[in-house]
Amino acid sequence: MTIHDNRRESDAFYYVTPSPEKVAQIVDRYGAFAAAERWGWLSNLQLTDLYRRGRKDMTATLNFQSSYG
């Protein structure tokens, strides 16, 4: 018997990569340390990349809404 035999499948942990927009929102609101704590399985390089892409997407969305809203 292994340690995992007593564990139900629903108890398994899953690491989901957050959306770039979510990372940018957390970093902007609470700081980079909070994002690193929340998504500790991601490297700083991965978080930085997600943050940059998220800020770019959020800025593009705001510019689009300003032009047509």
N, C-alpha and C. Protein backbone atom coordinates (compact mmCIF):
# COMPACT_ATOMS: atom_id res chain seq x y z
N MET A 1 0.84 -1.19 0.00
CA MET A 1 0.00 0.00 0.00
C MET A 1 0.89 1.24 0.00
N THR A 2 0.58 2.16 -0.88
CA THR A 2 1.35 3.40 -0.93
C THR A 2 0.61 4.50 -0.18
N ILE A 3 1.29 5.57 0.01
CA ILE A 3 0.70 6.70 0.74
C ILE A 3 -0.50 7.30 0.00
N HIS A 4 -0.54 7.11 -1.31
CA HIS A 4 -1.61 7.71 -2.11
C HIS A 4 -2.86 6.83 -2.20
N ASP A 5 -2.81 5.61 -1.70
CA ASP A 5 -3.96 4.71 -1.81
C ASP A 5 -5.16 5.21 -1.01
N ASN A 6 -4.93 5.94 0.06
CA ASN A 6 -6.02 6.41 0.90
C ASN A 6 -6.58 7.76 0.44
N ARG A 7 -5.99 8.33 -0.55
CA ARG A 7 -6.38 9.66 -1.00
C ARG A 7 -7.39 9.56 -2.14
N ARG A 8 -8.47 10.31 -2.03
CA ARG A 8 -9.43 10.36 -3.13
C ARG A 8 -8.88 11.22 -4.24
N GLU A 9 -9.34 10.97 -5.45
CA GLU A 9 -8.87 11.75 -6.59
C GLU A 9 -9.23 13.22 -6.45
N SER A 10 -10.35 13.52 -5.82
CA SER A 10 -10.77 14.91 -5.66
C SER A 10 -9.88 15.67 -4.68
N ASP A 11 -9.09 14.95 -3.88
CA ASP A 11 -8.19 15.59 -2.93
C ASP A 11 -6.85 15.96 -3.56
N ALA A 12 -6.65 15.59 -4.80
CA ALA A 12 -5.37 15.86 -5.46
C ALA A 12 -5.19 17.36 -5.66
N PHE A 13 -3.95 17.78 -5.63
CA PHE A 13 -3.63 19.18 -5.84
C PHE A 13 -3.29 19.40 -7.31
N TYR A 14 -3.79 20.48 -7.84
CA TYR A 14 -3.52 20.83 -9.22
C TYR A 14 -2.93 22.24 -9.25
N TYR A 15 -1.89 22.40 -9.99
CA TYR A 15 -1.27 23.70 -10.14
C TYR A 15 -1.68 24.27 -11.49
N VAL A 16 -2.46 25.30 -11.46
CA VAL A 16 -2.97 25.92 -12.68
C VAL A 16 -2.22 27.23 -12.89
N THR A 17 -1.71 27.40 -14.09
CA THR A 17 -1.03 28.66 -14.41
C THR A 17 -2.07 29.76 -14.52
N PRO A 18 -1.88 30.84 -13.79
CA PRO A 18 -2.86 31.93 -13.82
C PRO A 18 -2.82 32.69 -15.14
N SER A 19 -3.88 33.39 -15.42
CA SER A 19 -3.91 34.21 -16.63
C SER A 19 -2.97 35.40 -16.43
N PRO A 20 -2.40 35.89 -17.52
CA PRO A 20 -1.53 37.07 -17.40
C PRO A 20 -2.25 38.27 -16.78
N GLU A 21 -3.52 38.45 -17.11
CA GLU A 21 -4.28 39.57 -16.55
C GLU A 21 -4.42 39.45 -15.04
N LYS A 22 -4.65 38.23 -14.54
CA LYS A 22 -4.80 38.02 -13.10
C LYS A 22 -3.49 38.32 -12.38
N VAL A 23 -2.37 37.89 -12.95
CA VAL A 23 -1.06 38.18 -12.34
C VAL A 23 -0.84 39.69 -12.29
N ALA A 24 -1.13 40.38 -13.38
CA ALA A 24 -0.94 41.83 -13.42
C ALA A 24 -1.83 42.52 -12.39
N GLN A 25 -3.05 42.07 -12.23
CA GLN A 25 -3.95 42.67 -11.24
C GLN A 25 -3.42 42.48 -9.82
N ILE A 26 -2.95 41.29 -9.50
CA ILE A 26 -2.43 41.01 -8.16
C ILE A 26 -1.17 41.82 -7.89
N VAL A 27 -0.25 41.85 -8.86
CA VAL A 27 0.99 42.61 -8.68
C VAL A 27 0.68 44.10 -8.52
N ASP A 28 -0.19 44.63 -9.34
CA ASP A 28 -0.53 46.05 -9.26
C ASP A 28 -1.22 46.40 -7.94
N ARG A 29 -2.06 45.52 -7.46
CA ARG A 29 -2.83 45.79 -6.26
C ARG A 29 -2.07 45.50 -4.97
N TYR A 30 -1.33 44.36 -4.94
CA TYR A 30 -0.72 43.91 -3.69
C TYR A 30 0.80 43.78 -3.73
N GLY A 31 1.40 43.86 -4.93
CA GLY A 31 2.85 43.77 -5.04
C GLY A 31 3.32 42.42 -5.55
N ALA A 32 4.57 42.41 -6.00
CA ALA A 32 5.15 41.20 -6.58
C ALA A 32 5.30 40.08 -5.55
N PHE A 33 5.57 40.45 -4.29
CA PHE A 33 5.72 39.43 -3.26
C PHE A 33 4.43 38.64 -3.07
N ALA A 34 3.31 39.31 -3.13
CA ALA A 34 2.01 38.63 -2.99
C ALA A 34 1.78 37.65 -4.12
N ALA A 35 2.16 38.04 -5.33
CA ALA A 35 2.02 37.13 -6.48
C ALA A 35 2.93 35.92 -6.32
N ALA A 36 4.15 36.15 -5.84
CA ALA A 36 5.09 35.04 -5.63
C ALA A 36 4.57 34.09 -4.55
N GLU A 37 3.94 34.62 -3.53
CA GLU A 37 3.35 33.78 -2.48
C GLU A 37 2.16 32.99 -3.01
N ARG A 38 1.34 33.63 -3.80
CA ARG A 38 0.13 32.99 -4.31
C ARG A 38 0.44 31.89 -5.31
N TRP A 39 1.42 32.13 -6.17
CA TRP A 39 1.78 31.15 -7.21
C TRP A 39 3.21 30.71 -7.00
N GLY A 40 3.49 30.15 -5.84
CA GLY A 40 4.84 29.77 -5.44
C GLY A 40 5.50 28.72 -6.31
N TRP A 41 4.73 27.96 -7.07
CA TRP A 41 5.32 26.94 -7.93
C TRP A 41 5.87 27.53 -9.22
N LEU A 42 5.57 28.80 -9.49
CA LEU A 42 6.10 29.46 -10.68
C LEU A 42 7.40 30.19 -10.33
N SER A 43 8.33 30.21 -11.25
CA SER A 43 9.59 30.92 -11.02
C SER A 43 9.35 32.43 -11.15
N ASN A 44 10.30 33.21 -10.65
CA ASN A 44 10.20 34.66 -10.80
C ASN A 44 10.18 35.06 -12.27
N LEU A 45 10.93 34.35 -13.08
CA LEU A 45 10.95 34.65 -14.52
C LEU A 45 9.58 34.40 -15.14
N GLN A 46 8.93 33.30 -14.76
CA GLN A 46 7.59 33.02 -15.29
C GLN A 46 6.59 34.07 -14.83
N LEU A 47 6.65 34.44 -13.55
CA LEU A 47 5.73 35.47 -13.05
C LEU A 47 5.96 36.81 -13.73
N THR A 48 7.21 37.16 -13.94
CA THR A 48 7.52 38.42 -14.62
C THR A 48 6.98 38.42 -16.04
N ASP A 49 7.14 37.30 -16.73
CA ASP A 49 6.62 37.19 -18.10
C ASP A 49 5.10 37.31 -18.11
N LEU A 50 4.43 36.61 -17.20
CA LEU A 50 2.98 36.70 -17.11
C LEU A 50 2.54 38.13 -16.79
N TYR A 51 3.25 38.77 -15.88
CA TYR A 51 2.92 40.15 -15.51
C TYR A 51 3.04 41.09 -16.71
N ARG A 52 4.13 40.99 -17.43
CA ARG A 52 4.34 41.87 -18.60
C ARG A 52 3.27 41.65 -19.66
N ARG A 53 2.95 40.39 -19.92
CA ARG A 53 1.91 40.11 -20.92
C ARG A 53 0.55 40.61 -20.44
N GLY A 54 0.28 40.44 -19.15
CA GLY A 54 -0.99 40.91 -18.60
C GLY A 54 -1.14 42.41 -18.66
N ARG A 55 -0.07 43.14 -18.33
CA ARG A 55 -0.11 44.61 -18.41
C ARG A 55 -0.30 45.06 -19.86
N LYS A 56 0.37 44.38 -20.78
CA LYS A 56 0.24 44.73 -22.19
C LYS A 56 -1.20 44.51 -22.65
N ASP A 57 -1.79 43.37 -22.28
CA ASP A 57 -3.17 43.08 -22.68
C ASP A 57 -4.16 44.05 -22.04
N MET A 58 -3.94 44.37 -20.76
CA MET A 58 -4.84 45.29 -20.07
C MET A 58 -4.75 46.69 -20.67
N THR A 59 -3.56 47.13 -21.03
CA THR A 59 -3.37 48.44 -21.64
C THR A 59 -4.03 48.49 -23.01
N ALA A 60 -3.86 47.42 -23.78
CA ALA A 60 -4.48 47.36 -25.11
C ALA A 60 -6.00 47.41 -25.00
N THR A 61 -6.55 46.72 -24.02
CA THR A 61 -8.00 46.72 -23.81
C THR A 61 -8.49 48.11 -23.43
N LEU A 62 -7.76 48.78 -22.53
CA LEU A 62 -8.16 50.13 -22.13
C LEU A 62 -8.09 51.10 -23.30
N ASN A 63 -7.04 50.98 -24.11
CA ASN A 63 -6.92 51.86 -25.27
C ASN A 63 -8.05 51.62 -26.26
N PHE A 64 -8.42 50.37 -26.46
CA PHE A 64 -9.50 50.03 -27.38
C PHE A 64 -10.82 50.60 -26.86
N GLN A 65 -11.07 50.42 -25.56
CA GLN A 65 -12.32 50.92 -24.99
C GLN A 65 -12.38 52.44 -25.04
N SER A 66 -11.26 53.10 -24.85
CA SER A 66 -11.22 54.57 -24.91
C SER A 66 -11.52 55.06 -26.32
N SER A 67 -11.04 54.33 -27.31
CA SER A 67 -11.23 54.74 -28.70
C SER A 67 -12.67 54.54 -29.17
N TYR A 68 -13.30 53.47 -28.67
CA TYR A 68 -14.63 53.13 -29.17
C TYR A 68 -15.72 53.23 -28.11
N GLY A 69 -15.40 53.64 -26.90
CA GLY A 69 -16.40 53.67 -25.84
C GLY A 69 -16.86 55.02 -25.63
